[in-house]
Amino acid sequence: MSPDYATPGNGLLLFFRVDDFDIALKRARALVTRFEEEPHVNANTEIMEFSLRDPDGYYVTISALSSLEPGGHEASA
C-alpha cells in the first residue's frame, strides 16, 4: 500500500515499559476516551499491560517494567 493512502499508524505498534504502571494508567485514562485493551495480565509475560490508540491513530501498548505479586510487591526473580 502506498504511504499516500495508508491510514496513520498502519502496520506500526509502539510498546513502552514503565516503572510506575499505576501512574501511567491514570494518565492514559485522562488522555483517551477508550482503551483498545483494558489493563490485564499478559498470559505470555505475566506482566500487567494495556493498549490504546494515540491521537494520530498509532496502536500503543504500555507494560509494567516488572511483574507484581498480589498486594503490589515486586516479584522476586
Protein backbone atom coordinates (compact mmCIF):
# COMPACT_ATOMS: atom_id res chain seq x y z
CA MET A 1 0.00 0.00 0.00
CA SER A 2 1.28 3.46 -0.87
CA PRO A 3 2.09 5.74 2.10
CA ASP A 4 -0.09 8.33 0.39
CA TYR A 5 -3.17 6.15 1.01
CA ALA A 6 -2.35 4.33 4.25
CA THR A 7 -4.03 5.36 7.48
CA PRO A 8 -1.78 6.76 10.24
CA GLY A 9 -0.19 4.01 12.30
CA ASN A 10 -0.82 1.35 9.66
CA GLY A 11 1.49 -1.58 10.45
CA LEU A 12 3.28 0.07 13.37
CA LEU A 13 2.98 -0.92 17.03
CA LEU A 14 4.57 1.10 19.81
CA PHE A 15 5.45 -0.68 23.04
CA PHE A 16 6.60 1.04 26.23
CA ARG A 17 7.63 -0.46 29.57
CA VAL A 18 7.10 1.80 32.58
CA ASP A 19 8.31 1.58 36.16
CA ASP A 20 5.10 3.05 37.63
CA PHE A 21 2.25 1.28 35.87
CA ASP A 22 -0.49 2.78 38.09
CA ILE A 23 0.53 6.36 37.31
CA ALA A 24 0.82 5.60 33.58
CA LEU A 25 -2.65 4.04 33.65
CA LYS A 26 -4.14 7.07 35.43
CA ARG A 27 -2.54 9.46 32.92
CA ALA A 28 -3.69 7.39 29.96
CA ARG A 29 -7.28 7.34 31.20
CA ALA A 30 -7.16 11.15 31.37
CA LEU A 31 -5.93 11.38 27.76
CA VAL A 32 -8.10 8.94 25.81
CA THR A 33 -11.80 8.09 25.86
CA ARG A 34 -11.32 4.34 25.44
CA PHE A 35 -8.63 1.66 25.52
CA GLU A 36 -8.07 -0.89 22.77
CA GLU A 37 -7.31 -3.37 25.59
CA GLU A 38 -8.16 -2.73 29.22
CA PRO A 39 -5.47 -3.43 31.83
CA HIS A 40 -4.79 -7.16 32.10
CA VAL A 41 -2.01 -9.64 32.79
CA ASN A 42 -0.35 -10.71 29.56
CA ALA A 43 -0.54 -14.51 29.54
CA ASN A 44 2.91 -14.87 27.95
CA THR A 45 4.90 -12.40 30.06
CA GLU A 46 2.72 -12.47 33.21
CA ILE A 47 3.07 -8.67 33.34
CA MET A 48 0.31 -6.06 33.50
CA GLU A 49 -0.35 -4.09 30.32
CA PHE A 50 -2.97 -2.07 28.45
CA SER A 51 -3.26 -0.72 24.92
CA LEU A 52 -4.69 2.42 23.36
CA ARG A 53 -4.64 4.48 20.17
CA ASP A 54 -2.75 7.76 20.33
CA PRO A 55 -4.24 10.92 18.76
CA ASP A 56 -2.56 10.07 15.43
CA GLY A 57 -4.05 6.56 15.36
CA TYR A 58 -0.95 4.62 16.41
CA TYR A 59 -1.50 1.48 18.50
CA VAL A 60 0.39 1.86 21.79
CA THR A 61 0.89 -0.79 24.47
CA ILE A 62 2.01 0.21 27.94
CA SER A 63 3.52 -2.58 30.06
CA ALA A 64 4.73 -2.71 33.64
CA LEU A 65 8.50 -2.92 33.94
CA SER A 66 8.25 -5.98 36.20
CA SER A 67 5.59 -8.39 37.33
CA LEU A 68 3.90 -7.74 40.64
CA GLU A 69 2.83 -10.17 43.29
CA PRO A 70 -0.60 -9.73 44.89
CA GLY A 71 -0.52 -6.63 47.05
CA GLY A 72 1.65 -4.69 44.61
CA HIS A 73 5.04 -6.05 45.68
CA GLU A 74 7.66 -6.75 43.02
CA ALA A 75 8.08 -10.44 42.32
CA SER A 76 11.47 -11.89 43.17
CA ALA A 77 13.48 -13.29 40.27
